[in-house]
Amino acid sequence: MSEHTPEKKPVSPTLRIAEYLGVSERIVLILIAIVLVILAVLLLTSGVGALYQSFIEGKIRDQAIEILDTVLLVMMTMEIVYTVTLSLQSHTLVAEPFLIIGAIAAIRRMLVITAESTKLEGNQDAFRSTLLELGLLAVIVVTMSVSIYILRRSQQMKTPELEGEHHESADSHDSGHH
């Protein structure tokens, strides 16, 4: 009596290398996500400490922009973690989180520029440059927002099409059984 065992086909070296690279990519992405989460927690802890310290000293107004800057940096960091997580789950690169990160980064820069612009009152050239940079950043934020809207809208348009195809194939499948 011989047992029937399926024969193993030899795996080509190229496929084996591709598998190892895929595993390596996942390991590196997981390590990146862990480092980013640790960074976000440390930044948030620092921001909360700064908020508490400025509250105790009565200087919240003076420190508000720096604290907000820290919080926005934490948001950006966590958005990157979300992007890495999506990449791990779907094995694809999703555009929307990068657009969100870009918008947050531009808003963050706008806040810093606005806070620092009070120091430029006497220097007209620097003030013009600052206004130009703020204008360009505003254009970037609007462009990112419109891009996110278009991306979401196109995904919503694809979903009904896919559902329609699914219902049509289910209907034709059901009619074949009757």
N, C-alpha and C. Protein backbone atom coordinates (compact mmCIF):
# COMPACT_ATOMS: atom_id res chain seq x y z
N MET A 1 0.82 -1.18 0.00
CA MET A 1 0.00 0.00 0.00
C MET A 1 0.87 1.24 0.00
N SER A 2 0.67 2.03 -0.95
CA SER A 2 1.43 3.28 -1.00
C SER A 2 0.47 4.44 -0.78
N GLU A 3 0.92 5.37 0.02
CA GLU A 3 0.10 6.55 0.27
C GLU A 3 0.24 7.51 -0.89
N HIS A 4 -0.86 8.13 -1.21
CA HIS A 4 -0.83 9.10 -2.31
C HIS A 4 -0.53 10.49 -1.73
N THR A 5 0.63 10.98 -1.98
CA THR A 5 1.01 12.32 -1.54
C THR A 5 1.23 13.17 -2.77
N PRO A 6 0.72 14.37 -2.72
CA PRO A 6 0.91 15.24 -3.89
C PRO A 6 2.40 15.57 -4.04
N GLU A 7 2.80 15.57 -5.29
CA GLU A 7 4.20 15.90 -5.58
C GLU A 7 4.41 17.39 -5.45
N LYS A 8 5.52 17.75 -4.82
CA LYS A 8 5.85 19.16 -4.70
C LYS A 8 6.59 19.59 -5.96
N LYS A 9 6.08 20.64 -6.55
CA LYS A 9 6.77 21.18 -7.72
C LYS A 9 7.92 22.02 -7.23
N PRO A 10 9.03 21.96 -7.90
CA PRO A 10 10.15 22.79 -7.48
C PRO A 10 9.83 24.28 -7.71
N VAL A 11 10.14 25.07 -6.70
CA VAL A 11 9.89 26.49 -6.79
C VAL A 11 11.10 27.15 -7.45
N SER A 12 10.82 27.99 -8.41
CA SER A 12 11.92 28.63 -9.11
C SER A 12 12.65 29.60 -8.17
N PRO A 13 13.94 29.79 -8.38
CA PRO A 13 14.70 30.73 -7.53
C PRO A 13 14.13 32.14 -7.57
N THR A 14 13.61 32.55 -8.69
CA THR A 14 13.04 33.89 -8.82
C THR A 14 11.82 34.04 -7.90
N LEU A 15 10.94 33.03 -7.88
CA LEU A 15 9.78 33.10 -7.01
C LEU A 15 10.18 33.06 -5.54
N ARG A 16 11.17 32.26 -5.23
CA ARG A 16 11.64 32.18 -3.84
C ARG A 16 12.22 33.53 -3.39
N ILE A 17 13.00 34.16 -4.26
CA ILE A 17 13.56 35.49 -3.94
C ILE A 17 12.44 36.51 -3.77
N ALA A 18 11.44 36.45 -4.64
CA ALA A 18 10.30 37.37 -4.54
C ALA A 18 9.57 37.18 -3.21
N GLU A 19 9.40 35.92 -2.79
CA GLU A 19 8.76 35.65 -1.50
C GLU A 19 9.58 36.24 -0.35
N TYR A 20 10.89 36.03 -0.38
CA TYR A 20 11.76 36.57 0.68
C TYR A 20 11.73 38.10 0.69
N LEU A 21 11.70 38.71 -0.49
CA LEU A 21 11.62 40.17 -0.55
C LEU A 21 10.28 40.67 -0.01
N GLY A 22 9.21 39.95 -0.30
CA GLY A 22 7.90 40.33 0.23
C GLY A 22 7.87 40.24 1.75
N VAL A 23 8.44 39.17 2.30
CA VAL A 23 8.51 39.04 3.76
C VAL A 23 9.39 40.14 4.34
N SER A 24 10.52 40.40 3.69
CA SER A 24 11.42 41.47 4.15
C SER A 24 10.72 42.82 4.15
N GLU A 25 9.97 43.09 3.10
CA GLU A 25 9.23 44.35 3.02
C GLU A 25 8.25 44.48 4.18
N ARG A 26 7.50 43.41 4.45
CA ARG A 26 6.53 43.45 5.55
C ARG A 26 7.23 43.68 6.89
N ILE A 27 8.36 43.02 7.10
CA ILE A 27 9.10 43.19 8.36
C ILE A 27 9.57 44.63 8.51
N VAL A 28 10.13 45.19 7.44
CA VAL A 28 10.62 46.57 7.49
C VAL A 28 9.46 47.54 7.71
N LEU A 29 8.34 47.33 7.03
CA LEU A 29 7.18 48.21 7.22
C LEU A 29 6.64 48.13 8.65
N ILE A 30 6.64 46.94 9.23
CA ILE A 30 6.20 46.80 10.63
C ILE A 30 7.15 47.54 11.56
N LEU A 31 8.46 47.42 11.33
CA LEU A 31 9.44 48.13 12.15
C LEU A 31 9.28 49.65 12.01
N ILE A 32 9.04 50.11 10.79
CA ILE A 32 8.83 51.54 10.55
C ILE A 32 7.59 52.01 11.32
N ALA A 33 6.51 51.23 11.24
CA ALA A 33 5.29 51.60 11.95
C ALA A 33 5.52 51.67 13.46
N ILE A 34 6.28 50.72 14.00
CA ILE A 34 6.57 50.71 15.44
C ILE A 34 7.36 51.95 15.83
N VAL A 35 8.39 52.28 15.04
CA VAL A 35 9.20 53.47 15.33
C VAL A 35 8.34 54.73 15.25
N LEU A 36 7.48 54.81 14.25
CA LEU A 36 6.62 55.99 14.10
C LEU A 36 5.62 56.12 15.25
N VAL A 37 5.08 55.01 15.72
CA VAL A 37 4.15 55.06 16.86
C VAL A 37 4.90 55.53 18.11
N ILE A 38 6.09 55.00 18.33
CA ILE A 38 6.90 55.44 19.48
C ILE A 38 7.19 56.94 19.37
N LEU A 39 7.56 57.39 18.17
CA LEU A 39 7.82 58.81 17.95
C LEU A 39 6.58 59.64 18.24
N ALA A 40 5.43 59.20 17.75
CA ALA A 40 4.18 59.93 17.97
C ALA A 40 3.85 60.02 19.46
N VAL A 41 4.04 58.92 20.18
CA VAL A 41 3.76 58.93 21.62
C VAL A 41 4.71 59.88 22.34
N LEU A 42 5.98 59.85 21.97
CA LEU A 42 6.95 60.76 22.60
C LEU A 42 6.64 62.22 22.28
N LEU A 43 6.30 62.50 21.03
CA LEU A 43 5.93 63.86 20.65
C LEU A 43 4.68 64.33 21.39
N LEU A 44 3.69 63.46 21.47
CA LEU A 44 2.47 63.81 22.16
C LEU A 44 2.73 64.05 23.64
N THR A 45 3.55 63.21 24.24
CA THR A 45 3.92 63.39 25.64
C THR A 45 4.62 64.74 25.83
N SER A 46 5.50 65.06 24.92
CA SER A 46 6.21 66.34 24.97
C SER A 46 5.22 67.50 24.83
N GLY A 47 4.28 67.36 23.91
CA GLY A 47 3.27 68.41 23.71
C GLY A 47 2.38 68.59 24.93
N VAL A 48 1.98 67.49 25.54
CA VAL A 48 1.15 67.58 26.75
C VAL A 48 1.96 68.22 27.88
N GLY A 49 3.25 67.84 27.98
CA GLY A 49 4.11 68.46 28.99
C GLY A 49 4.25 69.96 28.77
N ALA A 50 4.43 70.36 27.51
CA ALA A 50 4.55 71.78 27.19
C ALA A 50 3.24 72.51 27.48
N LEU A 51 2.12 71.87 27.18
CA LEU A 51 0.82 72.47 27.47
C LEU A 51 0.65 72.66 28.97
N TYR A 52 0.97 71.64 29.73
CA TYR A 52 0.85 71.73 31.19
C TYR A 52 1.77 72.82 31.74
N GLN A 53 3.02 72.84 31.27
CA GLN A 53 3.99 73.84 31.74
C GLN A 53 3.54 75.25 31.40
N SER A 54 3.07 75.44 30.18
CA SER A 54 2.63 76.79 29.80
C SER A 54 1.36 77.19 30.54
N PHE A 55 0.52 76.22 30.88
CA PHE A 55 -0.67 76.51 31.68
C PHE A 55 -0.27 76.96 33.09
N ILE A 56 0.65 76.23 33.68
CA ILE A 56 1.12 76.56 35.04
C ILE A 56 1.76 77.95 35.06
N GLU A 57 2.54 78.26 34.02
CA GLU A 57 3.24 79.55 33.96
C GLU A 57 2.36 80.66 33.41
N GLY A 58 1.16 80.32 32.95
CA GLY A 58 0.26 81.34 32.39
C GLY A 58 0.72 81.84 31.03
N LYS A 59 1.40 80.99 30.27
CA LYS A 59 1.94 81.40 28.96
C LYS A 59 1.36 80.58 27.81
N ILE A 60 0.16 80.13 27.95
CA ILE A 60 -0.44 79.31 26.89
C ILE A 60 -0.50 80.08 25.58
N ARG A 61 -0.86 81.33 25.65
CA ARG A 61 -0.94 82.16 24.44
C ARG A 61 0.41 82.22 23.72
N ASP A 62 1.49 82.32 24.48
CA ASP A 62 2.83 82.40 23.90
C ASP A 62 3.26 81.06 23.28
N GLN A 63 2.80 79.97 23.85
CA GLN A 63 3.24 78.64 23.42
C GLN A 63 2.24 77.92 22.52
N ALA A 64 1.10 78.52 22.28
CA ALA A 64 0.03 77.84 21.56
C ALA A 64 0.46 77.33 20.19
N ILE A 65 1.17 78.13 19.43
CA ILE A 65 1.58 77.72 18.08
C ILE A 65 2.53 76.54 18.15
N GLU A 66 3.47 76.57 19.07
CA GLU A 66 4.42 75.45 19.20
C GLU A 66 3.70 74.17 19.62
N ILE A 67 2.74 74.30 20.52
CA ILE A 67 1.98 73.12 20.96
C ILE A 67 1.14 72.59 19.81
N LEU A 68 0.47 73.48 19.09
CA LEU A 68 -0.32 73.07 17.93
C LEU A 68 0.57 72.44 16.87
N ASP A 69 1.74 72.99 16.66
CA ASP A 69 2.71 72.44 15.72
C ASP A 69 3.05 71.00 16.10
N THR A 70 3.26 70.76 17.38
CA THR A 70 3.58 69.41 17.86
C THR A 70 2.41 68.46 17.63
N VAL A 71 1.20 68.92 17.94
CA VAL A 71 0.02 68.08 17.75
C VAL A 71 -0.17 67.73 16.27
N LEU A 72 0.03 68.70 15.40
CA LEU A 72 -0.09 68.43 13.96
C LEU A 72 0.99 67.47 13.48
N LEU A 73 2.18 67.57 14.05
CA LEU A 73 3.25 66.63 13.71
C LEU A 73 2.87 65.22 14.15
N VAL A 74 2.23 65.10 15.31
CA VAL A 74 1.75 63.79 15.77
C VAL A 74 0.69 63.26 14.80
N MET A 75 -0.21 64.14 14.36
CA MET A 75 -1.24 63.72 13.40
C MET A 75 -0.61 63.22 12.10
N MET A 76 0.39 63.94 11.62
CA MET A 76 1.08 63.52 10.39
C MET A 76 1.75 62.17 10.60
N THR A 77 2.40 62.00 11.73
CA THR A 77 3.10 60.75 12.02
C THR A 77 2.10 59.59 12.06
N MET A 78 0.98 59.78 12.71
CA MET A 78 -0.01 58.72 12.79
C MET A 78 -0.67 58.45 11.44
N GLU A 79 -0.79 59.46 10.62
CA GLU A 79 -1.32 59.26 9.26
C GLU A 79 -0.35 58.41 8.44
N ILE A 80 0.94 58.60 8.67
CA ILE A 80 1.95 57.76 7.99
C ILE A 80 1.83 56.32 8.50
N VAL A 81 1.62 56.14 9.81
CA VAL A 81 1.42 54.79 10.36
C VAL A 81 0.20 54.15 9.70
N TYR A 82 -0.86 54.92 9.55
CA TYR A 82 -2.07 54.41 8.90
C TYR A 82 -1.75 53.98 7.45
N THR A 83 -0.97 54.79 6.76
CA THR A 83 -0.60 54.47 5.39
C THR A 83 0.22 53.19 5.33
N VAL A 84 1.16 53.04 6.26
CA VAL A 84 1.97 51.82 6.32
C VAL A 84 1.07 50.62 6.60
N THR A 85 0.11 50.78 7.50
CA THR A 85 -0.82 49.69 7.83
C THR A 85 -1.64 49.29 6.60
N LEU A 86 -2.15 50.29 5.87
CA LEU A 86 -2.89 50.00 4.65
C LEU A 86 -2.02 49.26 3.64
N SER A 87 -0.78 49.69 3.54
CA SER A 87 0.15 49.05 2.61
C SER A 87 0.39 47.59 2.99
N LEU A 88 0.50 47.33 4.29
CA LEU A 88 0.69 45.95 4.75
C LEU A 88 -0.54 45.10 4.46
N GLN A 89 -1.72 45.66 4.65
CA GLN A 89 -2.95 44.90 4.47
C GLN A 89 -3.28 44.66 3.01
N SER A 90 -3.11 45.66 2.19
CA SER A 90 -3.57 45.56 0.81
C SER A 90 -2.47 45.29 -0.21
N HIS A 91 -1.24 45.41 0.23
CA HIS A 91 -0.09 45.24 -0.67
C HIS A 91 -0.13 46.22 -1.84
N THR A 92 -0.78 47.36 -1.61
CA THR A 92 -0.81 48.43 -2.61
C THR A 92 -0.53 49.75 -1.92
N LEU A 93 -0.16 50.71 -2.70
CA LEU A 93 0.10 52.05 -2.19
C LEU A 93 -1.16 52.88 -2.41
N VAL A 94 -1.71 53.42 -1.33
CA VAL A 94 -2.95 54.19 -1.39
C VAL A 94 -2.59 55.68 -1.39
N ALA A 95 -3.18 56.44 -2.29
CA ALA A 95 -2.80 57.85 -2.47
C ALA A 95 -3.39 58.78 -1.42
N GLU A 96 -4.62 58.53 -0.98
CA GLU A 96 -5.31 59.49 -0.11
C GLU A 96 -4.56 59.85 1.17
N PRO A 97 -3.99 58.87 1.89
CA PRO A 97 -3.26 59.26 3.11
C PRO A 97 -2.10 60.21 2.83
N PHE A 98 -1.43 60.05 1.71
CA PHE A 98 -0.34 60.96 1.38
C PHE A 98 -0.85 62.37 1.10
N LEU A 99 -2.02 62.46 0.48
CA LEU A 99 -2.62 63.77 0.24
C LEU A 99 -3.00 64.43 1.56
N ILE A 100 -3.52 63.64 2.49
CA ILE A 100 -3.87 64.17 3.81
C ILE A 100 -2.62 64.64 4.54
N ILE A 101 -1.56 63.84 4.48
CA ILE A 101 -0.30 64.23 5.12
C ILE A 101 0.23 65.53 4.52
N GLY A 102 0.14 65.65 3.21
CA GLY A 102 0.59 66.87 2.54
C GLY A 102 -0.21 68.09 2.97
N ALA A 103 -1.52 67.92 3.08
CA ALA A 103 -2.38 69.04 3.51
C ALA A 103 -2.05 69.44 4.95
N ILE A 104 -1.89 68.44 5.82
CA ILE A 104 -1.55 68.75 7.22
C ILE A 104 -0.19 69.45 7.29
N ALA A 105 0.77 68.98 6.52
CA ALA A 105 2.11 69.59 6.52
C ALA A 105 2.05 71.05 6.06
N ALA A 106 1.26 71.30 5.03
CA ALA A 106 1.14 72.68 4.52
C ALA A 106 0.45 73.57 5.56
N ILE A 107 -0.60 73.06 6.19
CA ILE A 107 -1.29 73.84 7.22
C ILE A 107 -0.35 74.10 8.39
N ARG A 108 0.40 73.08 8.75
CA ARG A 108 1.36 73.23 9.85
C ARG A 108 2.37 74.34 9.53
N ARG A 109 2.88 74.34 8.32
CA ARG A 109 3.84 75.36 7.91
C ARG A 109 3.18 76.74 7.90
N MET A 110 1.94 76.81 7.46
CA MET A 110 1.23 78.09 7.45
C MET A 110 1.10 78.65 8.87
N LEU A 111 0.82 77.80 9.82
CA LEU A 111 0.71 78.25 11.21
C LEU A 111 2.04 78.78 11.73
N VAL A 112 3.11 78.08 11.42
CA VAL A 112 4.44 78.52 11.87
C VAL A 112 4.80 79.85 11.23
N ILE A 113 4.56 79.98 9.94
CA ILE A 113 4.86 81.24 9.24
C ILE A 113 4.04 82.39 9.82
N THR A 114 2.77 82.12 10.07
CA THR A 114 1.90 83.15 10.63
C THR A 114 2.41 83.60 11.99
N ALA A 115 2.81 82.65 12.81
CA ALA A 115 3.32 82.99 14.14
C ALA A 115 4.61 83.80 14.06
N GLU A 116 5.45 83.47 13.09
CA GLU A 116 6.74 84.16 12.97
C GLU A 116 6.63 85.48 12.22
N SER A 117 5.53 85.71 11.52
CA SER A 117 5.39 86.91 10.69
C SER A 117 5.33 88.19 11.52
N THR A 118 4.98 88.09 12.77
CA THR A 118 4.94 89.30 13.61
C THR A 118 6.33 89.89 13.79
N LYS A 119 7.35 89.09 13.58
CA LYS A 119 8.74 89.57 13.72
C LYS A 119 9.21 90.30 12.45
N LEU A 120 8.41 90.24 11.39
CA LEU A 120 8.83 90.80 10.11
C LEU A 120 8.22 92.17 9.80
N GLU A 121 7.63 92.79 10.77
CA GLU A 121 6.91 94.05 10.52
C GLU A 121 7.77 95.12 9.89
N GLY A 122 9.03 95.22 10.23
CA GLY A 122 9.88 96.26 9.69
C GLY A 122 10.53 95.90 8.36
N ASN A 123 10.56 94.64 7.99
CA ASN A 123 11.25 94.17 6.79
C ASN A 123 10.23 93.84 5.70
N GLN A 124 10.05 94.79 4.77
CA GLN A 124 9.03 94.64 3.72
C GLN A 124 9.33 93.48 2.77
N ASP A 125 10.60 93.28 2.38
CA ASP A 125 10.94 92.19 1.46
C ASP A 125 10.65 90.83 2.09
N ALA A 126 11.04 90.67 3.33
CA ALA A 126 10.77 89.41 4.03
C ALA A 126 9.27 89.21 4.20
N PHE A 127 8.55 90.28 4.46
CA PHE A 127 7.11 90.19 4.63
C PHE A 127 6.44 89.76 3.32
N ARG A 128 6.89 90.33 2.19
CA ARG A 128 6.34 89.94 0.87
C ARG A 128 6.63 88.46 0.59
N SER A 129 7.85 88.04 0.90
CA SER A 129 8.21 86.62 0.70
C SER A 129 7.33 85.72 1.54
N THR A 130 7.05 86.16 2.75
CA THR A 130 6.20 85.38 3.65
C THR A 130 4.78 85.30 3.09
N LEU A 131 4.27 86.42 2.60
CA LEU A 131 2.93 86.41 2.00
C LEU A 131 2.87 85.50 0.77
N LEU A 132 3.91 85.53 -0.04
CA LEU A 132 3.98 84.68 -1.21
C LEU A 132 3.98 83.20 -0.79
N GLU A 133 4.78 82.88 0.21
CA GLU A 133 4.84 81.50 0.69
C GLU A 133 3.48 81.07 1.25
N LEU A 134 2.83 81.95 2.01
CA LEU A 134 1.50 81.63 2.54
C LEU A 134 0.50 81.40 1.41
N GLY A 135 0.58 82.22 0.37
CA GLY A 135 -0.31 82.04 -0.78
C GLY A 135 -0.08 80.72 -1.48
N LEU A 136 1.17 80.37 -1.67
CA LEU A 136 1.49 79.09 -2.32
C LEU A 136 1.04 77.91 -1.45
N LEU A 137 1.24 78.02 -0.15
CA LEU A 137 0.79 76.96 0.75
C LEU A 137 -0.74 76.83 0.72
N ALA A 138 -1.43 77.96 0.63
CA ALA A 138 -2.90 77.92 0.54
C ALA A 138 -3.32 77.20 -0.74
N VAL A 139 -2.63 77.47 -1.84
CA VAL A 139 -2.92 76.79 -3.11
C VAL A 139 -2.68 75.28 -2.95
N ILE A 140 -1.62 74.91 -2.26
CA ILE A 140 -1.32 73.49 -2.03
C ILE A 140 -2.43 72.84 -1.22
N VAL A 141 -2.89 73.50 -0.16
CA VAL A 141 -3.95 72.94 0.68
C VAL A 141 -5.24 72.76 -0.14
N VAL A 142 -5.59 73.76 -0.93
CA VAL A 142 -6.79 73.66 -1.76
C VAL A 142 -6.63 72.54 -2.78
N THR A 143 -5.46 72.44 -3.41
CA THR A 143 -5.21 71.40 -4.40
C THR A 143 -5.30 70.02 -3.77
N MET A 144 -4.70 69.86 -2.59
CA MET A 144 -4.77 68.57 -1.89
C MET A 144 -6.21 68.23 -1.54
N SER A 145 -6.96 69.22 -1.06
CA SER A 145 -8.36 69.00 -0.68
C SER A 145 -9.20 68.60 -1.89
N VAL A 146 -9.02 69.29 -2.99
CA VAL A 146 -9.75 68.95 -4.22
C VAL A 146 -9.35 67.55 -4.69
N SER A 147 -8.09 67.22 -4.60
CA SER A 147 -7.62 65.89 -5.00
C SER A 147 -8.26 64.81 -4.14
N ILE A 148 -8.33 65.04 -2.84
CA ILE A 148 -8.98 64.07 -1.93
C ILE A 148 -10.45 63.92 -2.31
N TYR A 149 -11.12 65.04 -2.57
CA TYR A 149 -12.53 65.01 -2.95
C TYR A 149 -12.72 64.19 -4.24
N ILE A 150 -11.90 64.47 -5.24
CA ILE A 150 -12.01 63.76 -6.52
C ILE A 150 -11.73 62.27 -6.33
N LEU A 151 -10.72 61.95 -5.53
CA LEU A 151 -10.38 60.56 -5.27
C LEU A 151 -11.54 59.83 -4.60
N ARG A 152 -12.11 60.45 -3.58
CA ARG A 152 -13.25 59.83 -2.88
C ARG A 152 -14.46 59.72 -3.80
N ARG A 153 -14.68 60.74 -4.58
CA ARG A 153 -15.82 60.74 -5.50
C ARG A 153 -15.67 59.62 -6.54
N SER A 154 -14.46 59.45 -7.06
CA SER A 154 -14.24 58.39 -8.06
C SER A 154 -14.40 57.01 -7.44
N GLN A 155 -14.03 56.87 -6.16
CA GLN A 155 -14.22 55.59 -5.48
C GLN A 155 -15.70 55.31 -5.25
N GLN A 156 -16.48 56.36 -4.95
CA GLN A 156 -17.92 56.18 -4.77
C GLN A 156 -18.58 55.81 -6.09
N MET A 157 -18.08 56.34 -7.18
CA MET A 157 -18.65 56.03 -8.49
C MET A 157 -18.32 54.60 -8.89
N LYS A 158 -17.14 54.10 -8.49
CA LYS A 158 -16.77 52.73 -8.81
C LYS A 158 -17.58 51.73 -8.01
N THR A 159 -17.88 52.04 -6.77
CA THR A 159 -18.60 51.12 -5.89
C THR A 159 -19.97 50.73 -6.45
N PRO A 160 -20.83 51.68 -6.87
CA PRO A 160 -22.12 51.27 -7.44
C PRO A 160 -21.96 50.43 -8.72
N GLU A 161 -20.94 50.76 -9.51
CA GLU A 161 -20.71 49.98 -10.73
C GLU A 161 -20.40 48.54 -10.36
N LEU A 162 -19.52 48.35 -9.36
CA LEU A 162 -19.16 47.01 -8.95
C LEU A 162 -20.35 46.28 -8.34
N GLU A 163 -21.16 47.00 -7.54
CA GLU A 163 -22.35 46.39 -6.96
C GLU A 163 -23.33 46.01 -8.06
N GLY A 164 -23.48 46.85 -9.08
CA GLY A 164 -24.36 46.55 -10.20
C GLY A 164 -23.91 45.30 -10.94
N GLU A 165 -22.59 45.19 -11.15
CA GLU A 165 -22.06 44.01 -11.81
C GLU A 165 -22.29 42.78 -10.95
N HIS A 166 -22.11 42.94 -9.63
CA HIS A 166 -22.30 41.82 -8.71
C HIS A 166 -23.76 41.37 -8.73
N HIS A 167 -24.71 42.33 -8.70
CA HIS A 167 -26.12 41.99 -8.72
C HIS A 167 -26.50 41.35 -10.04
N GLU A 168 -25.96 41.85 -11.15
CA GLU A 168 -26.27 41.28 -12.46
C GLU A 168 -25.77 39.85 -12.54
N SER A 169 -24.53 39.61 -12.06
CA SER A 169 -24.00 38.25 -12.13
C SER A 169 -24.75 37.34 -11.17
N ALA A 170 -25.20 37.87 -10.01
CA ALA A 170 -25.98 37.09 -9.06
C ALA A 170 -27.34 36.76 -9.66
N ASP A 171 -27.96 37.74 -10.38
CA ASP A 171 -29.25 37.51 -11.01
C ASP A 171 -29.13 36.45 -12.09
N SER A 172 -28.11 36.53 -12.90
CA SER A 172 -27.93 35.56 -13.97
C SER A 172 -27.58 34.19 -13.37
N HIS A 173 -26.87 34.21 -12.26
CA HIS A 173 -26.52 32.97 -11.58
C HIS A 173 -27.76 32.34 -10.96
N ASP A 174 -28.61 33.19 -10.35
CA ASP A 174 -29.84 32.69 -9.75
C ASP A 174 -30.80 32.15 -10.82
N SER A 175 -30.89 32.84 -11.95
CA SER A 175 -31.81 32.40 -12.99
C SER A 175 -31.38 31.08 -13.59
N GLY A 176 -30.10 30.77 -13.52
CA GLY A 176 -29.61 29.50 -14.03
C GLY A 176 -29.99 28.34 -13.15
N HIS A 177 -30.27 28.60 -11.88
CA HIS A 177 -30.64 27.53 -10.95
C HIS A 177 -32.12 27.24 -10.97
N HIS A 178 -32.95 28.11 -11.51
CA HIS A 178 -34.41 27.91 -11.48
C HIS A 178 -34.82 26.98 -12.53
